[in-house]
Amino acid sequence: MTQQSPAMQEYFARFKKDCYEAFAIATTARAKGYDPENEVSVTLAETLAERVIGLISVIAPQIKGAGVEKRIEALEA
């Protein structure tokens, strides 16, 4: 892992916070029932493995919790 400057750390912390806030707003909006789907279909991801699982699980939900994420992380190392 590379060293980040304090400014860069602050940038990423703010970006992460903003993403979670936007996700919370989307979740609240979907829960109101105006959209055909009641849940936000996109999941938040912090790692490549989480992104892969999130994308694939849209068409193959059984992949969640199957251990694929750990395998991807092992291959990245």
N, C-alpha and C. Protein backbone atom coordinates (compact mmCIF):
# COMPACT_ATOMS: atom_id res chain seq x y z
N MET A 1 0.84 -1.17 0.00
CA MET A 1 0.00 0.00 0.00
C MET A 1 0.89 1.24 0.00
N THR A 2 0.51 2.23 -0.73
CA THR A 2 1.31 3.45 -0.84
C THR A 2 0.92 4.44 0.26
N GLN A 3 1.86 5.27 0.62
CA GLN A 3 1.60 6.32 1.60
C GLN A 3 0.78 7.42 0.94
N GLN A 4 -0.18 7.93 1.67
CA GLN A 4 -1.00 9.03 1.16
C GLN A 4 -0.75 10.26 2.02
N SER A 5 -0.78 11.39 1.37
CA SER A 5 -0.64 12.65 2.10
C SER A 5 -1.91 12.86 2.94
N PRO A 6 -1.82 13.68 3.97
CA PRO A 6 -3.02 13.99 4.76
C PRO A 6 -4.15 14.55 3.90
N ALA A 7 -3.81 15.36 2.91
CA ALA A 7 -4.84 15.92 2.03
C ALA A 7 -5.53 14.82 1.23
N MET A 8 -4.75 13.85 0.76
CA MET A 8 -5.32 12.75 -0.01
C MET A 8 -6.19 11.86 0.89
N GLN A 9 -5.74 11.62 2.11
CA GLN A 9 -6.53 10.84 3.06
C GLN A 9 -7.85 11.53 3.35
N GLU A 10 -7.79 12.83 3.52
CA GLU A 10 -9.01 13.61 3.77
C GLU A 10 -9.95 13.54 2.57
N TYR A 11 -9.39 13.64 1.37
CA TYR A 11 -10.19 13.56 0.14
C TYR A 11 -10.94 12.23 0.08
N PHE A 12 -10.22 11.12 0.29
CA PHE A 12 -10.86 9.81 0.20
C PHE A 12 -11.87 9.59 1.33
N ALA A 13 -11.58 10.10 2.51
CA ALA A 13 -12.53 9.99 3.62
C ALA A 13 -13.82 10.74 3.29
N ARG A 14 -13.68 11.92 2.74
CA ARG A 14 -14.85 12.72 2.35
C ARG A 14 -15.63 12.04 1.22
N PHE A 15 -14.91 11.51 0.26
CA PHE A 15 -15.54 10.81 -0.86
C PHE A 15 -16.35 9.61 -0.35
N LYS A 16 -15.76 8.84 0.53
CA LYS A 16 -16.44 7.67 1.10
C LYS A 16 -17.69 8.10 1.87
N LYS A 17 -17.56 9.15 2.68
CA LYS A 17 -18.69 9.66 3.45
C LYS A 17 -19.81 10.11 2.51
N ASP A 18 -19.46 10.83 1.46
CA ASP A 18 -20.46 11.30 0.49
C ASP A 18 -21.16 10.14 -0.21
N CYS A 19 -20.41 9.10 -0.53
CA CYS A 19 -21.01 7.92 -1.18
C CYS A 19 -22.03 7.26 -0.26
N TYR A 20 -21.67 7.10 1.01
CA TYR A 20 -22.60 6.49 1.96
C TYR A 20 -23.83 7.36 2.17
N GLU A 21 -23.66 8.67 2.17
CA GLU A 21 -24.80 9.57 2.30
C GLU A 21 -25.72 9.46 1.09
N ALA A 22 -25.15 9.41 -0.11
CA ALA A 22 -25.95 9.27 -1.33
C ALA A 22 -26.69 7.94 -1.34
N PHE A 23 -26.02 6.89 -0.88
CA PHE A 23 -26.65 5.57 -0.82
C PHE A 23 -27.82 5.59 0.17
N ALA A 24 -27.66 6.27 1.29
CA ALA A 24 -28.74 6.37 2.28
C ALA A 24 -29.93 7.13 1.70
N ILE A 25 -29.66 8.19 0.96
CA ILE A 25 -30.74 8.95 0.32
C ILE A 25 -31.46 8.08 -0.71
N ALA A 26 -30.70 7.34 -1.51
CA ALA A 26 -31.31 6.47 -2.51
C ALA A 26 -32.15 5.38 -1.85
N THR A 27 -31.67 4.84 -0.75
CA THR A 27 -32.40 3.80 -0.03
C THR A 27 -33.72 4.35 0.51
N THR A 28 -33.67 5.54 1.08
CA THR A 28 -34.88 6.18 1.60
C THR A 28 -35.87 6.46 0.48
N ALA A 29 -35.37 6.96 -0.63
CA ALA A 29 -36.24 7.27 -1.77
C ALA A 29 -36.90 6.01 -2.31
N ARG A 30 -36.13 4.94 -2.47
CA ARG A 30 -36.69 3.69 -2.97
C ARG A 30 -37.74 3.12 -2.02
N ALA A 31 -37.54 3.29 -0.74
CA ALA A 31 -38.46 2.74 0.26
C ALA A 31 -39.84 3.42 0.20
N LYS A 32 -39.92 4.59 -0.43
CA LYS A 32 -41.20 5.29 -0.52
C LYS A 32 -42.16 4.63 -1.50
N GLY A 33 -41.65 3.74 -2.35
CA GLY A 33 -42.52 2.96 -3.22
C GLY A 33 -42.88 3.58 -4.55
N TYR A 34 -42.26 4.68 -4.94
CA TYR A 34 -42.56 5.29 -6.23
C TYR A 34 -41.84 4.61 -7.38
N ASP A 35 -40.81 3.90 -7.07
CA ASP A 35 -40.01 3.19 -8.07
C ASP A 35 -40.48 1.74 -8.12
N PRO A 36 -40.40 1.08 -9.28
CA PRO A 36 -40.80 -0.34 -9.35
C PRO A 36 -40.01 -1.23 -8.38
N GLU A 37 -38.79 -0.87 -8.08
CA GLU A 37 -37.96 -1.64 -7.14
C GLU A 37 -37.93 -0.90 -5.81
N ASN A 38 -38.07 -1.63 -4.72
CA ASN A 38 -38.06 -1.00 -3.40
C ASN A 38 -36.68 -0.90 -2.77
N GLU A 39 -35.69 -1.55 -3.39
CA GLU A 39 -34.33 -1.52 -2.85
C GLU A 39 -33.37 -1.01 -3.92
N VAL A 40 -32.30 -0.38 -3.47
CA VAL A 40 -31.25 0.08 -4.38
C VAL A 40 -30.52 -1.15 -4.89
N SER A 41 -30.41 -1.29 -6.20
CA SER A 41 -29.83 -2.51 -6.78
C SER A 41 -28.31 -2.51 -6.78
N VAL A 42 -27.69 -1.35 -6.66
CA VAL A 42 -26.24 -1.25 -6.66
C VAL A 42 -25.76 -1.28 -5.21
N THR A 43 -24.70 -2.03 -4.96
CA THR A 43 -24.13 -2.06 -3.62
C THR A 43 -22.84 -1.25 -3.59
N LEU A 44 -22.52 -0.74 -2.43
CA LEU A 44 -21.26 0.00 -2.27
C LEU A 44 -20.12 -1.00 -2.13
N ALA A 45 -19.00 -0.67 -2.74
CA ALA A 45 -17.84 -1.56 -2.70
C ALA A 45 -16.57 -0.75 -2.47
N GLU A 46 -15.69 -1.28 -1.65
CA GLU A 46 -14.42 -0.61 -1.38
C GLU A 46 -13.24 -1.31 -2.03
N THR A 47 -13.41 -2.55 -2.44
CA THR A 47 -12.31 -3.30 -3.04
C THR A 47 -12.72 -3.81 -4.41
N LEU A 48 -11.74 -4.22 -5.19
CA LEU A 48 -12.02 -4.80 -6.50
C LEU A 48 -12.90 -6.03 -6.36
N ALA A 49 -12.59 -6.87 -5.39
CA ALA A 49 -13.37 -8.09 -5.19
C ALA A 49 -14.83 -7.76 -4.88
N GLU A 50 -15.07 -6.77 -4.04
CA GLU A 50 -16.44 -6.37 -3.73
C GLU A 50 -17.15 -5.84 -4.96
N ARG A 51 -16.44 -5.11 -5.82
CA ARG A 51 -17.05 -4.60 -7.06
C ARG A 51 -17.44 -5.73 -7.98
N VAL A 52 -16.55 -6.70 -8.12
CA VAL A 52 -16.83 -7.85 -8.99
C VAL A 52 -18.07 -8.59 -8.50
N ILE A 53 -18.12 -8.88 -7.21
CA ILE A 53 -19.27 -9.59 -6.64
C ILE A 53 -20.54 -8.77 -6.82
N GLY A 54 -20.46 -7.47 -6.59
CA GLY A 54 -21.63 -6.61 -6.76
C GLY A 54 -22.16 -6.61 -8.18
N LEU A 55 -21.27 -6.57 -9.15
CA LEU A 55 -21.70 -6.57 -10.55
C LEU A 55 -22.27 -7.92 -10.97
N ILE A 56 -21.59 -8.98 -10.63
CA ILE A 56 -22.04 -10.31 -11.04
C ILE A 56 -23.33 -10.70 -10.33
N SER A 57 -23.48 -10.28 -9.07
CA SER A 57 -24.66 -10.68 -8.30
C SER A 57 -25.96 -10.10 -8.85
N VAL A 58 -25.87 -9.12 -9.72
CA VAL A 58 -27.08 -8.58 -10.34
C VAL A 58 -27.76 -9.65 -11.17
N ILE A 59 -26.97 -10.46 -11.87
CA ILE A 59 -27.55 -11.52 -12.70
C ILE A 59 -27.42 -12.91 -12.06
N ALA A 60 -26.55 -13.04 -11.07
CA ALA A 60 -26.36 -14.33 -10.38
C ALA A 60 -26.27 -14.08 -8.88
N PRO A 61 -27.40 -13.81 -8.21
CA PRO A 61 -27.37 -13.45 -6.79
C PRO A 61 -26.78 -14.52 -5.88
N GLN A 62 -26.74 -15.75 -6.33
CA GLN A 62 -26.20 -16.83 -5.50
C GLN A 62 -24.70 -16.69 -5.27
N ILE A 63 -24.03 -15.82 -6.00
CA ILE A 63 -22.58 -15.64 -5.83
C ILE A 63 -22.24 -14.94 -4.51
N LYS A 64 -23.19 -14.16 -3.98
CA LYS A 64 -22.93 -13.47 -2.71
C LYS A 64 -22.77 -14.51 -1.60
N GLY A 65 -21.71 -14.37 -0.83
CA GLY A 65 -21.47 -15.27 0.28
C GLY A 65 -20.92 -16.63 -0.11
N ALA A 66 -20.53 -16.79 -1.37
CA ALA A 66 -20.03 -18.08 -1.84
C ALA A 66 -18.51 -18.22 -1.70
N GLY A 67 -17.85 -17.19 -1.19
CA GLY A 67 -16.41 -17.26 -0.99
C GLY A 67 -15.58 -16.76 -2.16
N VAL A 68 -16.23 -16.29 -3.21
CA VAL A 68 -15.52 -15.82 -4.39
C VAL A 68 -14.69 -14.58 -4.07
N GLU A 69 -15.22 -13.73 -3.22
CA GLU A 69 -14.51 -12.49 -2.86
C GLU A 69 -13.14 -12.80 -2.25
N LYS A 70 -13.09 -13.76 -1.35
CA LYS A 70 -11.81 -14.14 -0.73
C LYS A 70 -10.84 -14.70 -1.76
N ARG A 71 -11.37 -15.45 -2.71
CA ARG A 71 -10.51 -16.02 -3.76
C ARG A 71 -9.93 -14.92 -4.64
N ILE A 72 -10.74 -13.94 -4.99
CA ILE A 72 -10.26 -12.82 -5.81
C ILE A 72 -9.17 -12.07 -5.05
N GLU A 73 -9.39 -11.82 -3.77
CA GLU A 73 -8.39 -11.12 -2.96
C GLU A 73 -7.09 -11.92 -2.88
N ALA A 74 -7.19 -13.25 -2.80
CA ALA A 74 -6.00 -14.10 -2.77
C ALA A 74 -5.24 -14.01 -4.09
N LEU A 75 -5.97 -13.96 -5.19
CA LEU A 75 -5.32 -13.86 -6.50
C LEU A 75 -4.66 -12.50 -6.69
N GLU A 76 -5.21 -11.46 -6.07
CA GLU A 76 -4.63 -10.12 -6.16
C GLU A 76 -3.31 -10.01 -5.39
N ALA A 77 -3.16 -10.79 -4.35
CA ALA A 77 -1.98 -10.68 -3.48
C ALA A 77 -0.72 -11.18 -4.14
